[in-house]
Amino acid sequence: MPSAPAIAASENPTGLPVYLQISEMLIREIAVGRLADGARLPPEREMARELGASVGTLRKALAELEAKGMLERRQGSGNYVRANDAAQSLYSMFRLELIGGGGLPTARFLDVAEMAKPADLPGFGTSGRATRMRRLRLLNDTPIAVEEIWLDGAAGEVRPADLSESLYHYYQTRLGFWIARAEDRVAIGAVPGWAPGEFAPRPGAITGYIERLSWAQSPEPVEFSRTWFDTDKAIYLQRLR
């Protein structure tokens, strides 16, 4: 199995449960081909030790993969990878990967504020107000992007204390809707002045840039986001099945 970061949700209060972090990491490793179809995973105790998790937590993560049809557990033989293009991931719409492939997505919120929608935003949602969320995105603990997400005010009240690293997970569990589709426009853009020091491209530098409109279960987009990513560390990748 490719080397993986130790996972400890206690280090980040917005972190997903540890077993979900592990299952999401493995799903991404399978998607990029670093864990090939039919590959046998290491023994569970060895794998848990490498990930910095308990065996019980690892087994819960593996059960998630088995339920998604991405793992075959053979009694007395071990756990075997089963590629499944139809399996849903919390990060299925997250298109950034490390240049070497994959990477476990995490995030750190920089600012959350509710406000009137600025005039320079494209049309989305039905309210004149929105919640703006700014985040630093990481893959395997490496800062790779800064994001500015605008959620339409009609989608519900965002409570910063309840936010999760996976906003789509938060939308489903806290606000009662899910993102069904998204449209991306990829270009280049200048890094915003609010980008933190951990993000290598400095404010004003030209780097990779993504604008996204996202739809839930209504005809109007519910979310608009802007992402600036470090092209020395990450790539934008869309797989066609």
C-alpha atoms as a PDB file:
ATOM      1  CA  MET A   1       0.000   0.000   0.000  1.00  0.00           C
ATOM      2  CA  PRO A   2       1.358   3.489  -0.810  1.00  0.00           C
ATOM      3  CA  SER A   3       2.566   5.447   2.198  1.00  0.00           C
ATOM      4  CA  ALA A   4      -0.233   7.362   3.904  1.00  0.00           C
ATOM      5  CA  PRO A   5      -0.357  10.145   6.474  1.00  0.00           C
ATOM      6  CA  ALA A   6      -1.089   9.301  10.081  1.00  0.00           C
ATOM      7  CA  ILE A   7      -4.662  10.296  10.790  1.00  0.00           C
ATOM      8  CA  ALA A   8      -5.733  11.951  14.030  1.00  0.00           C
ATOM      9  CA  ALA A   9      -9.076  13.759  14.021  1.00  0.00           C
ATOM     10  CA  SER A  10      -8.412  15.151  17.504  1.00  0.00           C
ATOM     11  CA  GLU A  11      -5.886  17.548  15.979  1.00  0.00           C
ATOM     12  CA  ASN A  12      -8.661  19.299  14.054  1.00  0.00           C
ATOM     13  CA  PRO A  13     -12.062  19.990  15.632  1.00  0.00           C
ATOM     14  CA  THR A  14     -13.662  20.262  12.166  1.00  0.00           C
ATOM     15  CA  GLY A  15     -12.286  16.883  11.128  1.00  0.00           C
ATOM     16  CA  LEU A  16     -14.442  14.031   9.879  1.00  0.00           C
ATOM     17  CA  PRO A  17     -14.588  10.930  12.100  1.00  0.00           C
ATOM     18  CA  VAL A  18     -11.321   9.013  11.801  1.00  0.00           C
ATOM     19  CA  TYR A  19     -12.914   5.996  10.129  1.00  0.00           C
ATOM     20  CA  LEU A  20     -14.380   8.250   7.404  1.00  0.00           C
ATOM     21  CA  GLN A  21     -11.006   9.942   6.888  1.00  0.00           C
ATOM     22  CA  ILE A  22      -9.446   6.519   6.337  1.00  0.00           C
ATOM     23  CA  SER A  23     -12.170   5.279   3.993  1.00  0.00           C
ATOM     24  CA  GLU A  24     -12.047   8.510   1.959  1.00  0.00           C
ATOM     25  CA  MET A  25      -8.264   8.284   1.672  1.00  0.00           C
ATOM     26  CA  LEU A  26      -8.504   4.697   0.419  1.00  0.00           C
ATOM     27  CA  ILE A  27     -11.248   5.599  -2.073  1.00  0.00           C
ATOM     28  CA  ARG A  28      -8.997   8.283  -3.568  1.00  0.00           C
ATOM     29  CA  GLU A  29      -6.034   5.898  -3.697  1.00  0.00           C
ATOM     30  CA  ILE A  30      -8.193   3.400  -5.591  1.00  0.00           C
ATOM     31  CA  ALA A  31      -9.533   6.095  -7.939  1.00  0.00           C
ATOM     32  CA  VAL A  32      -6.042   7.193  -9.021  1.00  0.00           C
ATOM     33  CA  GLY A  33      -4.836   3.608  -9.435  1.00  0.00           C
ATOM     34  CA  ARG A  34      -2.316   3.641  -6.589  1.00  0.00           C
ATOM     35  CA  LEU A  35      -4.327   0.794  -5.101  1.00  0.00           C
ATOM     36  CA  ALA A  36      -5.041  -1.465  -8.069  1.00  0.00           C
ATOM     37  CA  ASP A  37      -8.106  -3.633  -8.563  1.00  0.00           C
ATOM     38  CA  GLY A  38      -7.405  -7.004  -6.944  1.00  0.00           C
ATOM     39  CA  ALA A  39      -4.551  -5.730  -4.772  1.00  0.00           C
ATOM     40  CA  ARG A  40      -4.315  -7.283  -1.321  1.00  0.00           C
ATOM     41  CA  LEU A  41      -4.170  -4.756   1.504  1.00  0.00           C
ATOM     42  CA  PRO A  42      -1.583  -5.186   4.287  1.00  0.00           C
ATOM     43  CA  PRO A  43      -2.637  -7.062   7.453  1.00  0.00           C
ATOM     44  CA  GLU A  44      -5.055  -4.979   9.499  1.00  0.00           C
ATOM     45  CA  ARG A  45      -2.770  -4.493  12.495  1.00  0.00           C
ATOM     46  CA  GLU A  46       0.083  -3.360  10.258  1.00  0.00           C
ATOM     47  CA  MET A  47      -2.209  -1.037   8.305  1.00  0.00           C
ATOM     48  CA  ALA A  48      -3.705   0.460  11.485  1.00  0.00           C
ATOM     49  CA  ARG A  49      -0.230   1.108  12.879  1.00  0.00           C
ATOM     50  CA  GLU A  50       0.847   2.856   9.650  1.00  0.00           C
ATOM     51  CA  LEU A  51      -2.241   5.078   9.760  1.00  0.00           C
ATOM     52  CA  GLY A  52      -1.957   5.853  13.478  1.00  0.00           C
ATOM     53  CA  ALA A  53      -5.424   4.422  14.138  1.00  0.00           C
ATOM     54  CA  SER A  54      -6.848   1.587  16.226  1.00  0.00           C
ATOM     55  CA  VAL A  55      -7.662  -1.749  14.609  1.00  0.00           C
ATOM     56  CA  GLY A  56     -11.335  -1.226  15.488  1.00  0.00           C
ATOM     57  CA  THR A  57     -11.386   2.139  13.691  1.00  0.00           C
ATOM     58  CA  LEU A  58      -9.658   0.654  10.658  1.00  0.00           C
ATOM     59  CA  ARG A  59     -12.182  -2.179  10.500  1.00  0.00           C
ATOM     60  CA  LYS A  60     -15.019   0.347  10.579  1.00  0.00           C
ATOM     61  CA  ALA A  61     -13.380   2.164   7.639  1.00  0.00           C
ATOM     62  CA  LEU A  62     -12.973  -1.093   5.726  1.00  0.00           C
ATOM     63  CA  ALA A  63     -16.638  -1.885   6.357  1.00  0.00           C
ATOM     64  CA  GLU A  64     -17.472   1.432   4.631  1.00  0.00           C
ATOM     65  CA  LEU A  65     -15.459   0.357   1.590  1.00  0.00           C
ATOM     66  CA  GLU A  66     -17.069  -3.080   1.596  1.00  0.00           C
ATOM     67  CA  ALA A  67     -20.527  -1.464   1.640  1.00  0.00           C
ATOM     68  CA  LYS A  68     -19.532   0.625  -1.400  1.00  0.00           C
ATOM     69  CA  GLY A  69     -18.376  -2.489  -3.279  1.00  0.00           C
ATOM     70  CA  MET A  70     -14.733  -1.408  -3.140  1.00  0.00           C
ATOM     71  CA  LEU A  71     -13.408  -4.138  -0.878  1.00  0.00           C
ATOM     72  CA  GLU A  72     -13.674  -7.924  -0.756  1.00  0.00           C
ATOM     73  CA  ARG A  73     -12.936  -9.490   2.614  1.00  0.00           C
ATOM     74  CA  ARG A  74     -11.848 -13.127   2.314  1.00  0.00           C
ATOM     75  CA  GLN A  75     -11.864 -15.129   5.513  1.00  0.00           C
ATOM     76  CA  GLY A  76      -8.367 -16.380   6.274  1.00  0.00           C
ATOM     77  CA  SER A  77      -6.885 -14.644   3.227  1.00  0.00           C
ATOM     78  CA  GLY A  78      -7.193 -10.877   3.724  1.00  0.00           C
ATOM     79  CA  ASN A  79      -8.781  -7.757   2.240  1.00  0.00           C
ATOM     80  CA  TYR A  80      -8.736  -7.183  -1.525  1.00  0.00           C
ATOM     81  CA  VAL A  81      -9.375  -3.989  -3.485  1.00  0.00           C
ATOM     82  CA  ARG A  82     -12.323  -3.888  -5.882  1.00  0.00           C
ATOM     83  CA  ALA A  83     -12.461  -0.853  -8.152  1.00  0.00           C
ATOM     84  CA  ASN A  84     -15.989   0.546  -8.393  1.00  0.00           C
ATOM     85  CA  ASP A  85     -16.529   3.605 -10.579  1.00  0.00           C
ATOM     86  CA  ALA A  86     -20.070   4.040  -9.254  1.00  0.00           C
ATOM     87  CA  ALA A  87     -19.040   4.335  -5.587  1.00  0.00           C
ATOM     88  CA  GLN A  88     -19.818   7.703  -4.006  1.00  0.00           C
ATOM     89  CA  SER A  89     -17.196   9.588  -2.037  1.00  0.00           C
ATOM     90  CA  LEU A  90     -17.511  12.654   0.181  1.00  0.00           C
ATOM     91  CA  TYR A  91     -14.783  14.122  -2.035  1.00  0.00           C
ATOM     92  CA  SER A  92     -16.106  12.821  -5.367  1.00  0.00           C
ATOM     93  CA  MET A  93     -16.307  16.413  -6.680  1.00  0.00           C
ATOM     94  CA  PHE A  94     -12.930  17.486  -5.304  1.00  0.00           C
ATOM     95  CA  ARG A  95     -10.771  17.622  -8.448  1.00  0.00           C
ATOM     96  CA  LEU A  96      -7.393  18.586  -6.995  1.00  0.00           C
ATOM     97  CA  GLU A  97      -4.738  15.932  -6.467  1.00  0.00           C
ATOM     98  CA  LEU A  98      -1.079  15.939  -5.566  1.00  0.00           C
ATOM     99  CA  ILE A  99       1.163  15.912  -8.620  1.00  0.00           C
ATOM    100  CA  GLY A 100       2.103  12.322  -7.717  1.00  0.00           C
ATOM    101  CA  GLY A 101      -1.609  11.431  -7.453  1.00  0.00           C
ATOM    102  CA  GLY A 102      -4.237  11.230  -4.726  1.00  0.00           C
ATOM    103  CA  GLY A 103      -3.870  12.715  -1.278  1.00  0.00           C
ATOM    104  CA  LEU A 104      -6.226  12.920   1.695  1.00  0.00           C
ATOM    105  CA  PRO A 105      -8.135  16.238   1.572  1.00  0.00           C
ATOM    106  CA  THR A 106      -8.365  18.290   4.750  1.00  0.00           C
ATOM    107  CA  ALA A 107      -9.202  21.943   5.322  1.00  0.00           C
ATOM    108  CA  ARG A 108      -8.778  24.757   7.795  1.00  0.00           C
ATOM    109  CA  PHE A 109     -11.386  27.500   7.958  1.00  0.00           C
ATOM    110  CA  LEU A 110      -9.929  31.003   7.903  1.00  0.00           C
ATOM    111  CA  ASP A 111     -13.112  33.058   8.069  1.00  0.00           C
ATOM    112  CA  VAL A 112     -16.889  32.529   8.043  1.00  0.00           C
ATOM    113  CA  ALA A 113     -19.243  35.493   7.610  1.00  0.00           C
ATOM    114  CA  GLU A 114     -22.861  36.079   6.600  1.00  0.00           C
ATOM    115  CA  MET A 115     -23.401  39.124   4.356  1.00  0.00           C
ATOM    116  CA  ALA A 116     -25.148  40.661   1.380  1.00  0.00           C
ATOM    117  CA  LYS A 117     -23.969  39.158  -1.898  1.00  0.00           C
ATOM    118  CA  PRO A 118     -21.347  41.397  -3.556  1.00  0.00           C
ATOM    119  CA  ALA A 119     -22.222  42.691  -7.005  1.00  0.00           C
ATOM    120  CA  ASP A 120     -19.231  40.949  -8.634  1.00  0.00           C
ATOM    121  CA  LEU A 121     -20.553  37.440  -7.944  1.00  0.00           C
ATOM    122  CA  PRO A 122     -22.443  35.540 -10.654  1.00  0.00           C
ATOM    123  CA  GLY A 123     -26.137  34.932 -10.136  1.00  0.00           C
ATOM    124  CA  PHE A 124     -26.891  31.982  -7.856  1.00  0.00           C
ATOM    125  CA  GLY A 125     -29.595  31.033  -5.395  1.00  0.00           C
ATOM    126  CA  THR A 126     -32.721  32.988  -4.509  1.00  0.00           C
ATOM    127  CA  SER A 127     -31.592  35.152  -1.582  1.00  0.00           C
ATOM    128  CA  GLY A 128     -29.810  38.482  -1.606  1.00  0.00           C
ATOM    129  CA  ARG A 129     -27.560  37.245   1.197  1.00  0.00           C
ATOM    130  CA  ALA A 130     -25.003  34.462   1.482  1.00  0.00           C
ATOM    131  CA  THR A 131     -22.500  32.882   3.847  1.00  0.00           C
ATOM    132  CA  ARG A 132     -18.898  33.376   2.758  1.00  0.00           C
ATOM    133  CA  MET A 133     -16.398  30.726   3.868  1.00  0.00           C
ATOM    134  CA  ARG A 134     -12.667  31.038   3.292  1.00  0.00           C
ATOM    135  CA  ARG A 135     -10.453  27.990   3.740  1.00  0.00           C
ATOM    136  CA  LEU A 136      -6.948  26.664   3.316  1.00  0.00           C
ATOM    137  CA  ARG A 137      -7.034  23.256   1.589  1.00  0.00           C
ATOM    138  CA  LEU A 138      -4.437  20.556   2.196  1.00  0.00           C
ATOM    139  CA  LEU A 139      -3.621  17.173   0.696  1.00  0.00           C
ATOM    140  CA  ASN A 140      -1.689  14.814   2.983  1.00  0.00           C
ATOM    141  CA  ASP A 141      -1.056  17.838   5.239  1.00  0.00           C
ATOM    142  CA  THR A 142       0.480  19.814   2.329  1.00  0.00           C
ATOM    143  CA  PRO A 143      -1.175  23.238   1.692  1.00  0.00           C
ATOM    144  CA  ILE A 144      -2.276  23.205  -1.949  1.00  0.00           C
ATOM    145  CA  ALA A 145      -5.112  25.718  -2.322  1.00  0.00           C
ATOM    146  CA  VAL A 146      -7.150  28.545  -0.862  1.00  0.00           C
ATOM    147  CA  GLU A 147     -10.916  28.637  -1.359  1.00  0.00           C
ATOM    148  CA  GLU A 148     -13.709  31.156  -1.079  1.00  0.00           C
ATOM    149  CA  ILE A 149     -17.145  29.497  -0.961  1.00  0.00           C
ATOM    150  CA  TRP A 150     -20.437  31.399  -1.092  1.00  0.00           C
ATOM    151  CA  LEU A 151     -23.554  29.526   0.051  1.00  0.00           C
ATOM    152  CA  ASP A 152     -26.935  31.066  -0.791  1.00  0.00           C
ATOM    153  CA  GLY A 153     -28.702  32.403   2.292  1.00  0.00           C
ATOM    154  CA  ALA A 154     -31.872  30.438   1.486  1.00  0.00           C
ATOM    155  CA  ALA A 155     -29.936  27.166   1.911  1.00  0.00           C
ATOM    156  CA  GLY A 156     -29.945  27.540   5.696  1.00  0.00           C
ATOM    157  CA  GLU A 157     -28.031  29.034   8.610  1.00  0.00           C
ATOM    158  CA  VAL A 158     -24.347  28.061   8.748  1.00  0.00           C
ATOM    159  CA  ARG A 159     -23.053  27.614  12.292  1.00  0.00           C
ATOM    160  CA  PRO A 160     -19.237  27.911  12.257  1.00  0.00           C
ATOM    161  CA  ALA A 161     -18.842  25.667  15.316  1.00  0.00           C
ATOM    162  CA  ASP A 162     -20.557  22.798  13.469  1.00  0.00           C
ATOM    163  CA  LEU A 163     -18.678  23.050  10.174  1.00  0.00           C
ATOM    164  CA  SER A 164     -16.913  19.982   8.837  1.00  0.00           C
ATOM    165  CA  GLU A 165     -13.833  19.677   6.616  1.00  0.00           C
ATOM    166  CA  SER A 166     -16.183  18.215   4.018  1.00  0.00           C
ATOM    167  CA  LEU A 167     -18.714  20.941   3.318  1.00  0.00           C
ATOM    168  CA  TYR A 168     -20.800  18.533   1.243  1.00  0.00           C
ATOM    169  CA  HIS A 169     -21.021  16.256   4.296  1.00  0.00           C
ATOM    170  CA  TYR A 170     -22.060  19.275   6.383  1.00  0.00           C
ATOM    171  CA  TYR A 171     -24.709  20.252   3.840  1.00  0.00           C
ATOM    172  CA  GLN A 172     -26.196  16.747   3.944  1.00  0.00           C
ATOM    173  CA  THR A 173     -26.117  16.192   7.701  1.00  0.00           C
ATOM    174  CA  ARG A 174     -26.825  19.723   8.975  1.00  0.00           C
ATOM    175  CA  LEU A 175     -28.701  21.586   6.251  1.00  0.00           C
ATOM    176  CA  GLY A 176     -30.587  18.694   4.657  1.00  0.00           C
ATOM    177  CA  PHE A 177     -29.517  18.977   1.021  1.00  0.00           C
ATOM    178  CA  TRP A 178     -26.776  17.529  -1.133  1.00  0.00           C
ATOM    179  CA  ILE A 179     -24.810  18.769  -4.106  1.00  0.00           C
ATOM    180  CA  ALA A 180     -25.975  16.878  -7.182  1.00  0.00           C
ATOM    181  CA  ARG A 181     -23.829  18.465  -9.883  1.00  0.00           C
ATOM    182  CA  ALA A 182     -21.282  21.195 -10.483  1.00  0.00           C
ATOM    183  CA  GLU A 183     -19.851  23.233 -13.345  1.00  0.00           C
ATOM    184  CA  ASP A 184     -16.181  24.223 -13.251  1.00  0.00           C
ATOM    185  CA  ARG A 185     -14.329  26.880 -15.205  1.00  0.00           C
ATOM    186  CA  VAL A 186     -10.560  26.443 -14.957  1.00  0.00           C
ATOM    187  CA  ALA A 187      -8.147  29.254 -15.765  1.00  0.00           C
ATOM    188  CA  ILE A 188      -5.403  31.247 -14.049  1.00  0.00           C
ATOM    189  CA  GLY A 189      -5.845  34.024 -11.520  1.00  0.00           C
ATOM    190  CA  ALA A 190      -4.105  36.244  -8.982  1.00  0.00           C
ATOM    191  CA  VAL A 191      -3.860  34.910  -5.416  1.00  0.00           C
ATOM    192  CA  PRO A 192      -6.117  36.986  -3.107  1.00  0.00           C
ATOM    193  CA  GLY A 193      -4.693  39.204  -0.392  1.00  0.00           C
ATOM    194  CA  TRP A 194      -6.283  37.154   2.422  1.00  0.00           C
ATOM    195  CA  ALA A 195      -4.302  33.983   1.545  1.00  0.00           C
ATOM    196  CA  PRO A 196      -2.390  32.772   4.642  1.00  0.00           C
ATOM    197  CA  GLY A 197       1.390  32.434   4.825  1.00  0.00           C
ATOM    198  CA  GLU A 198       1.233  28.621   4.605  1.00  0.00           C
ATOM    199  CA  PHE A 199       0.067  28.928   0.998  1.00  0.00           C
ATOM    200  CA  ALA A 200       3.273  29.178  -1.034  1.00  0.00           C
ATOM    201  CA  PRO A 201       2.122  31.411  -3.919  1.00  0.00           C
ATOM    202  CA  ARG A 202       2.022  34.887  -2.430  1.00  0.00           C
ATOM    203  CA  PRO A 203      -0.861  37.368  -2.810  1.00  0.00           C
ATOM    204  CA  GLY A 204      -0.900  38.760  -6.323  1.00  0.00           C
ATOM    205  CA  ALA A 205       0.998  35.803  -7.827  1.00  0.00           C
ATOM    206  CA  ILE A 206      -0.614  34.131 -10.838  1.00  0.00           C
ATOM    207  CA  THR A 207      -1.559  30.504 -10.260  1.00  0.00           C
ATOM    208  CA  GLY A 208      -4.227  27.923 -11.100  1.00  0.00           C
ATOM    209  CA  TYR A 209      -7.790  29.168 -10.630  1.00  0.00           C
ATOM    210  CA  ILE A 210     -11.212  27.448 -10.588  1.00  0.00           C
ATOM    211  CA  GLU A 211     -14.682  28.945 -10.496  1.00  0.00           C
ATOM    212  CA  ARG A 212     -17.513  26.547  -9.643  1.00  0.00           C
ATOM    213  CA  LEU A 213     -21.288  26.774  -9.588  1.00  0.00           C
ATOM    214  CA  SER A 214     -22.989  23.924  -7.692  1.00  0.00           C
ATOM    215  CA  TRP A 215     -26.583  22.731  -7.801  1.00  0.00           C
ATOM    216  CA  ALA A 216     -28.604  20.871  -5.183  1.00  0.00           C
ATOM    217  CA  GLN A 217     -32.197  19.778  -5.843  1.00  0.00           C
ATOM    218  CA  SER A 218     -33.424  23.094  -7.264  1.00  0.00           C
ATOM    219  CA  PRO A 219     -33.043  24.735 -10.682  1.00  0.00           C
ATOM    220  CA  GLU A 220     -30.907  27.582  -9.299  1.00  0.00           C
ATOM    221  CA  PRO A 221     -27.279  27.007  -8.246  1.00  0.00           C
ATOM    222  CA  VAL A 222     -27.024  26.987  -4.457  1.00  0.00           C
ATOM    223  CA  GLU A 223     -23.292  27.654  -4.176  1.00  0.00           C
ATOM    224  CA  PHE A 224     -20.507  29.563  -5.914  1.00  0.00           C
ATOM    225  CA  SER A 225     -16.838  29.050  -5.147  1.00  0.00           C
ATOM    226  CA  ARG A 226     -13.418  30.337  -6.176  1.00  0.00           C
ATOM    227  CA  THR A 227     -10.264  28.256  -5.692  1.00  0.00           C
ATOM    228  CA  TRP A 228      -6.629  29.240  -6.239  1.00  0.00           C
ATOM    229  CA  PHE A 229      -4.288  26.216  -6.308  1.00  0.00           C
ATOM    230  CA  ASP A 230      -0.518  25.830  -6.175  1.00  0.00           C
ATOM    231  CA  THR A 231       0.505  24.396  -9.561  1.00  0.00           C
ATOM    232  CA  ASP A 232       3.894  23.362  -8.147  1.00  0.00           C
ATOM    233  CA  LYS A 233       2.167  20.931  -5.775  1.00  0.00           C
ATOM    234  CA  ALA A 234      -1.230  20.022  -7.206  1.00  0.00           C
ATOM    235  CA  ILE A 235      -3.092  19.434 -10.457  1.00  0.00           C
ATOM    236  CA  TYR A 236      -6.743  19.682 -11.478  1.00  0.00           C
ATOM    237  CA  LEU A 237      -7.891  16.312 -12.778  1.00  0.00           C
ATOM    238  CA  GLN A 238     -11.262  15.249 -14.183  1.00  0.00           C
ATOM    239  CA  ARG A 239     -11.684  11.543 -14.931  1.00  0.00           C
ATOM    240  CA  LEU A 240     -14.140  10.507 -17.624  1.00  0.00           C
ATOM    241  CA  ARG A 241     -15.735   7.103 -17.067  1.00  0.00           C
END
